[in-house]
């Protein structure tokens, strides 16, 4: 941003955290002009980026045959990994979450009748790049927004379901627990 205009000299580009290089192409309006700087006269360069959460400025100098020149600057911001470890949605196959789902609420209870002998919990991540696990297994890897876990319920017992969201940064985590009570009769 902004979109290219010959009179605008400074630009900014934001790229995802996983992008490690950017291809830059410069086209001369005068074929006799010379391109230099971080982009050679051929007008094409692949610019390696530094680590996530950093910025790099690319300089493109265009010199006309009369030696008048312009220096274009492109600041490339490589975004930091997300620290979003929230759920967007949480549902159960029987009963009702108490309290009703809210991303900032980590603990829930569900009461089911004796006729319900199993339950499935389905969750959707707020950030699809996060990872979601339950019972020590990944139920939704990065790029898969929704996962579920099912379990048998004992009569008159409480069964604990824990779904943990690990943010893209690999540091931020949030467990969501659902205590499911099955009536004895």
C-alpha atoms as a PDB file:
ATOM      1  CA  UNK A   1       0.000   0.000   0.000  1.00  0.00           C
ATOM      2  CA  UNK A   2      -0.637   2.316  -1.525  1.00  0.00           C
ATOM      3  CA  UNK A   3      -1.059   0.970  -5.056  1.00  0.00           C
ATOM      4  CA  UNK A   4       1.843   1.853  -7.313  1.00  0.00           C
ATOM      5  CA  UNK A   5       2.100   5.356  -8.781  1.00  0.00           C
ATOM      6  CA  UNK A   6       5.344   6.680 -10.365  1.00  0.00           C
ATOM      7  CA  UNK A   7       5.307   9.750  -8.115  1.00  0.00           C
ATOM      8  CA  UNK A   8       4.869   7.778  -4.869  1.00  0.00           C
ATOM      9  CA  UNK A   9       8.226   6.716  -3.450  1.00  0.00           C
ATOM     10  CA  UNK A  10       7.338   4.744  -0.293  1.00  0.00           C
ATOM     11  CA  UNK A  11       5.293   1.578  -0.012  1.00  0.00           C
ATOM     12  CA  UNK A  12       4.410  -0.959   2.665  1.00  0.00           C
ATOM     13  CA  UNK A  13       3.625  -4.649   2.249  1.00  0.00           C
ATOM     14  CA  UNK A  14       2.448  -6.922   5.066  1.00  0.00           C
ATOM     15  CA  UNK A  15       3.076 -10.652   4.599  1.00  0.00           C
ATOM     16  CA  UNK A  16       2.085 -13.653   6.685  1.00  0.00           C
ATOM     17  CA  UNK A  17       4.440 -15.030   9.301  1.00  0.00           C
ATOM     18  CA  UNK A  18       5.196 -18.080   7.139  1.00  0.00           C
ATOM     19  CA  UNK A  19       6.438 -16.055   4.155  1.00  0.00           C
ATOM     20  CA  UNK A  20      10.252 -16.236   4.012  1.00  0.00           C
ATOM     21  CA  UNK A  21      10.934 -14.274   0.796  1.00  0.00           C
ATOM     22  CA  UNK A  22       9.221 -11.827  -1.528  1.00  0.00           C
ATOM     23  CA  UNK A  23       9.666 -11.464  -5.295  1.00  0.00           C
ATOM     24  CA  UNK A  24      10.029  -7.828  -6.345  1.00  0.00           C
ATOM     25  CA  UNK A  25       9.646  -6.782  -9.970  1.00  0.00           C
ATOM     26  CA  UNK A  26      10.369  -3.256 -11.248  1.00  0.00           C
ATOM     27  CA  UNK A  27       9.460  -2.165 -14.758  1.00  0.00           C
ATOM     28  CA  UNK A  28      11.202   0.905 -16.196  1.00  0.00           C
ATOM     29  CA  UNK A  29       9.031   3.425 -18.027  1.00  0.00           C
ATOM     30  CA  UNK A  30      12.152   4.445 -20.030  1.00  0.00           C
ATOM     31  CA  UNK A  31      13.994   1.415 -21.445  1.00  0.00           C
ATOM     32  CA  UNK A  32      17.266   3.382 -21.273  1.00  0.00           C
ATOM     33  CA  UNK A  33      16.934   3.993 -17.517  1.00  0.00           C
ATOM     34  CA  UNK A  34      18.982   1.869 -15.117  1.00  0.00           C
ATOM     35  CA  UNK A  35      17.539   0.042 -12.106  1.00  0.00           C
ATOM     36  CA  UNK A  36      19.838  -0.537  -9.138  1.00  0.00           C
ATOM     37  CA  UNK A  37      19.766  -0.974  -5.399  1.00  0.00           C
ATOM     38  CA  UNK A  38      18.214  -4.169  -4.048  1.00  0.00           C
ATOM     39  CA  UNK A  39      16.752  -4.941  -7.475  1.00  0.00           C
ATOM     40  CA  UNK A  40      19.213  -5.340 -10.381  1.00  0.00           C
ATOM     41  CA  UNK A  41      18.781  -3.729 -13.791  1.00  0.00           C
ATOM     42  CA  UNK A  42      16.927  -6.846 -14.967  1.00  0.00           C
ATOM     43  CA  UNK A  43      14.078  -5.605 -12.737  1.00  0.00           C
ATOM     44  CA  UNK A  44      13.604  -8.870 -10.848  1.00  0.00           C
ATOM     45  CA  UNK A  45      14.809  -9.951  -7.414  1.00  0.00           C
ATOM     46  CA  UNK A  46      13.826 -12.380  -4.699  1.00  0.00           C
ATOM     47  CA  UNK A  47      14.314 -10.714  -1.335  1.00  0.00           C
ATOM     48  CA  UNK A  48      14.886 -13.041   1.638  1.00  0.00           C
ATOM     49  CA  UNK A  49      13.092 -11.859   4.775  1.00  0.00           C
ATOM     50  CA  UNK A  50      14.292 -11.909   8.360  1.00  0.00           C
ATOM     51  CA  UNK A  51      12.399 -13.786  11.072  1.00  0.00           C
ATOM     52  CA  UNK A  52       8.708 -13.450  11.925  1.00  0.00           C
ATOM     53  CA  UNK A  53       7.792 -10.118  13.484  1.00  0.00           C
ATOM     54  CA  UNK A  54      10.485  -8.167  11.605  1.00  0.00           C
ATOM     55  CA  UNK A  55      10.550  -5.539   8.855  1.00  0.00           C
ATOM     56  CA  UNK A  56      12.883  -5.158   5.904  1.00  0.00           C
ATOM     57  CA  UNK A  57      13.191  -2.187   3.583  1.00  0.00           C
ATOM     58  CA  UNK A  58      13.928  -2.807  -0.088  1.00  0.00           C
ATOM     59  CA  UNK A  59      15.409   0.044  -2.082  1.00  0.00           C
ATOM     60  CA  UNK A  60      14.901   0.372  -5.831  1.00  0.00           C
ATOM     61  CA  UNK A  61      16.800   3.195  -7.545  1.00  0.00           C
ATOM     62  CA  UNK A  62      15.803   4.189 -11.079  1.00  0.00           C
ATOM     63  CA  UNK A  63      18.283   6.463 -12.887  1.00  0.00           C
ATOM     64  CA  UNK A  64      17.271   8.158 -16.146  1.00  0.00           C
ATOM     65  CA  UNK A  65      19.818   8.680 -18.969  1.00  0.00           C
ATOM     66  CA  UNK A  66      20.169  12.349 -17.848  1.00  0.00           C
ATOM     67  CA  UNK A  67      21.276  11.071 -14.376  1.00  0.00           C
ATOM     68  CA  UNK A  68      18.054  12.183 -12.633  1.00  0.00           C
ATOM     69  CA  UNK A  69      17.038   9.426 -10.263  1.00  0.00           C
ATOM     70  CA  UNK A  70      14.253   8.321  -7.933  1.00  0.00           C
ATOM     71  CA  UNK A  71      14.602   5.954  -5.026  1.00  0.00           C
ATOM     72  CA  UNK A  72      11.577   3.813  -4.283  1.00  0.00           C
ATOM     73  CA  UNK A  73      11.345   2.174  -0.857  1.00  0.00           C
ATOM     74  CA  UNK A  74       9.268  -0.869  -0.011  1.00  0.00           C
ATOM     75  CA  UNK A  75       8.943  -1.765   3.666  1.00  0.00           C
ATOM     76  CA  UNK A  76       8.040  -5.445   3.995  1.00  0.00           C
ATOM     77  CA  UNK A  77       6.533  -6.372   7.362  1.00  0.00           C
ATOM     78  CA  UNK A  78       6.636 -10.074   8.161  1.00  0.00           C
ATOM     79  CA  UNK A  79       3.900 -10.566  10.702  1.00  0.00           C
ATOM     80  CA  UNK A  80       4.603 -12.213  14.026  1.00  0.00           C
ATOM     81  CA  UNK A  81       2.885 -15.537  14.733  1.00  0.00           C
ATOM     82  CA  UNK A  82      -0.559 -15.132  16.243  1.00  0.00           C
ATOM     83  CA  UNK A  83      -1.008 -15.605  19.991  1.00  0.00           C
ATOM     84  CA  UNK A  84      -4.754 -16.283  19.597  1.00  0.00           C
ATOM     85  CA  UNK A  85      -5.562 -19.425  21.599  1.00  0.00           C
ATOM     86  CA  UNK A  86      -9.322 -18.879  21.740  1.00  0.00           C
ATOM     87  CA  UNK A  87     -12.211 -20.911  20.479  1.00  0.00           C
ATOM     88  CA  UNK A  88     -14.789 -19.395  18.164  1.00  0.00           C
ATOM     89  CA  UNK A  89     -17.424 -22.045  18.912  1.00  0.00           C
ATOM     90  CA  UNK A  90     -17.970 -24.991  21.265  1.00  0.00           C
ATOM     91  CA  UNK A  91     -20.907 -27.404  21.053  1.00  0.00           C
ATOM     92  CA  UNK A  92     -21.969 -30.739  22.554  1.00  0.00           C
ATOM     93  CA  UNK A  93     -23.969 -33.497  20.863  1.00  0.00           C
ATOM     94  CA  UNK A  94     -26.396 -33.794  23.816  1.00  0.00           C
ATOM     95  CA  UNK A  95     -27.386 -31.512  26.660  1.00  0.00           C
ATOM     96  CA  UNK A  96     -26.546 -27.824  26.931  1.00  0.00           C
ATOM     97  CA  UNK A  97     -23.355 -26.008  27.864  1.00  0.00           C
ATOM     98  CA  UNK A  98     -23.659 -24.193  31.173  1.00  0.00           C
ATOM     99  CA  UNK A  99     -22.867 -21.344  30.998  1.00  0.00           C
ATOM    100  CA  UNK A 100     -23.485 -20.706  27.295  1.00  0.00           C
ATOM    101  CA  UNK A 101     -20.313 -20.569  25.214  1.00  0.00           C
ATOM    102  CA  UNK A 102     -18.112 -17.476  25.346  1.00  0.00           C
ATOM    103  CA  UNK A 103     -14.494 -17.439  24.102  1.00  0.00           C
ATOM    104  CA  UNK A 104     -13.217 -16.085  27.422  1.00  0.00           C
ATOM    105  CA  UNK A 105     -15.008 -18.706  29.544  1.00  0.00           C
ATOM    106  CA  UNK A 106     -12.827 -21.802  29.994  1.00  0.00           C
ATOM    107  CA  UNK A 107     -15.034 -24.081  32.170  1.00  0.00           C
ATOM    108  CA  UNK A 108     -18.417 -25.611  31.396  1.00  0.00           C
ATOM    109  CA  UNK A 109     -20.791 -28.241  32.728  1.00  0.00           C
ATOM    110  CA  UNK A 110     -23.320 -30.355  30.865  1.00  0.00           C
ATOM    111  CA  UNK A 111     -26.042 -32.569  32.366  1.00  0.00           C
ATOM    112  CA  UNK A 112     -27.465 -35.421  30.300  1.00  0.00           C
ATOM    113  CA  UNK A 113     -30.087 -38.057  30.976  1.00  0.00           C
ATOM    114  CA  UNK A 114     -29.258 -41.696  31.672  1.00  0.00           C
ATOM    115  CA  UNK A 115     -30.306 -42.583  28.110  1.00  0.00           C
ATOM    116  CA  UNK A 116     -27.303 -40.664  26.707  1.00  0.00           C
ATOM    117  CA  UNK A 117     -24.383 -43.119  26.819  1.00  0.00           C
ATOM    118  CA  UNK A 118     -21.830 -41.091  24.831  1.00  0.00           C
ATOM    119  CA  UNK A 119     -21.130 -37.491  23.962  1.00  0.00           C
ATOM    120  CA  UNK A 120     -19.185 -35.625  21.293  1.00  0.00           C
ATOM    121  CA  UNK A 121     -17.682 -32.188  21.863  1.00  0.00           C
ATOM    122  CA  UNK A 122     -17.011 -30.129  18.724  1.00  0.00           C
ATOM    123  CA  UNK A 123     -14.894 -26.970  18.775  1.00  0.00           C
ATOM    124  CA  UNK A 124     -13.881 -24.342  16.216  1.00  0.00           C
ATOM    125  CA  UNK A 125     -10.682 -22.332  16.646  1.00  0.00           C
ATOM    126  CA  UNK A 126     -10.745 -18.548  16.461  1.00  0.00           C
ATOM    127  CA  UNK A 127      -7.444 -18.628  14.516  1.00  0.00           C
ATOM    128  CA  UNK A 128      -7.309 -21.462  11.956  1.00  0.00           C
ATOM    129  CA  UNK A 129      -3.482 -21.440  12.262  1.00  0.00           C
ATOM    130  CA  UNK A 130      -3.687 -22.588  15.891  1.00  0.00           C
ATOM    131  CA  UNK A 131      -3.572 -26.285  16.823  1.00  0.00           C
ATOM    132  CA  UNK A 132      -6.277 -27.968  18.892  1.00  0.00           C
ATOM    133  CA  UNK A 133      -5.795 -31.111  20.957  1.00  0.00           C
ATOM    134  CA  UNK A 134      -7.767 -33.350  23.299  1.00  0.00           C
ATOM    135  CA  UNK A 135      -6.654 -36.347  25.357  1.00  0.00           C
ATOM    136  CA  UNK A 136      -3.060 -35.884  24.168  1.00  0.00           C
ATOM    137  CA  UNK A 137      -3.945 -36.085  20.466  1.00  0.00           C
ATOM    138  CA  UNK A 138      -4.272 -33.359  17.850  1.00  0.00           C
ATOM    139  CA  UNK A 139      -7.906 -33.078  16.777  1.00  0.00           C
ATOM    140  CA  UNK A 140      -7.453 -30.039  14.496  1.00  0.00           C
ATOM    141  CA  UNK A 141      -3.984 -29.216  13.093  1.00  0.00           C
ATOM    142  CA  UNK A 142      -3.135 -25.795  11.672  1.00  0.00           C
ATOM    143  CA  UNK A 143      -5.347 -24.873   8.705  1.00  0.00           C
ATOM    144  CA  UNK A 144      -8.146 -27.198   9.933  1.00  0.00           C
ATOM    145  CA  UNK A 145     -10.621 -24.952  11.782  1.00  0.00           C
ATOM    146  CA  UNK A 146     -12.796 -27.537  13.559  1.00  0.00           C
ATOM    147  CA  UNK A 147     -12.187 -30.706  15.559  1.00  0.00           C
ATOM    148  CA  UNK A 148     -14.155 -33.008  17.800  1.00  0.00           C
ATOM    149  CA  UNK A 149     -13.671 -35.596  20.499  1.00  0.00           C
ATOM    150  CA  UNK A 150     -16.141 -38.253  21.639  1.00  0.00           C
ATOM    151  CA  UNK A 151     -16.265 -40.442  24.691  1.00  0.00           C
ATOM    152  CA  UNK A 152     -18.547 -42.962  26.422  1.00  0.00           C
ATOM    153  CA  UNK A 153     -20.289 -41.757  29.595  1.00  0.00           C
ATOM    154  CA  UNK A 154     -20.710 -43.856  32.732  1.00  0.00           C
ATOM    155  CA  UNK A 155     -24.054 -43.981  34.569  1.00  0.00           C
ATOM    156  CA  UNK A 156     -24.143 -41.557  37.474  1.00  0.00           C
ATOM    157  CA  UNK A 157     -20.622 -40.279  36.785  1.00  0.00           C
ATOM    158  CA  UNK A 158     -18.941 -37.120  35.592  1.00  0.00           C
ATOM    159  CA  UNK A 159     -16.722 -37.342  32.513  1.00  0.00           C
ATOM    160  CA  UNK A 160     -14.171 -34.606  31.868  1.00  0.00           C
ATOM    161  CA  UNK A 161     -13.457 -33.365  28.347  1.00  0.00           C
ATOM    162  CA  UNK A 162     -10.524 -30.973  27.916  1.00  0.00           C
ATOM    163  CA  UNK A 163      -9.839 -29.241  24.631  1.00  0.00           C
ATOM    164  CA  UNK A 164      -6.598 -27.255  24.478  1.00  0.00           C
ATOM    165  CA  UNK A 165      -5.887 -24.595  21.873  1.00  0.00           C
ATOM    166  CA  UNK A 166      -2.203 -23.876  21.155  1.00  0.00           C
ATOM    167  CA  UNK A 167      -1.725 -20.562  19.346  1.00  0.00           C
ATOM    168  CA  UNK A 168       0.376 -20.271  16.184  1.00  0.00           C
ATOM    169  CA  UNK A 169       3.196 -18.785  18.295  1.00  0.00           C
ATOM    170  CA  UNK A 170       3.514 -22.171  20.070  1.00  0.00           C
ATOM    171  CA  UNK A 171       3.556 -20.399  23.449  1.00  0.00           C
ATOM    172  CA  UNK A 172       0.032 -19.194  24.161  1.00  0.00           C
ATOM    173  CA  UNK A 173      -2.349 -21.973  25.181  1.00  0.00           C
ATOM    174  CA  UNK A 174      -5.887 -22.097  26.529  1.00  0.00           C
ATOM    175  CA  UNK A 175      -7.621 -25.195  27.887  1.00  0.00           C
ATOM    176  CA  UNK A 176     -11.413 -25.434  27.773  1.00  0.00           C
ATOM    177  CA  UNK A 177     -12.983 -28.008  30.100  1.00  0.00           C
ATOM    178  CA  UNK A 178     -16.429 -29.567  29.944  1.00  0.00           C
ATOM    179  CA  UNK A 179     -17.609 -31.663  32.903  1.00  0.00           C
ATOM    180  CA  UNK A 180     -20.403 -33.921  31.650  1.00  0.00           C
ATOM    181  CA  UNK A 181     -22.666 -35.495  34.297  1.00  0.00           C
ATOM    182  CA  UNK A 182     -24.809 -38.476  33.229  1.00  0.00           C
ATOM    183  CA  UNK A 183     -27.803 -39.176  35.447  1.00  0.00           C
ATOM    184  CA  UNK A 184     -27.919 -42.580  37.148  1.00  0.00           C
ATOM    185  CA  UNK A 185     -31.478 -43.292  36.019  1.00  0.00           C
END
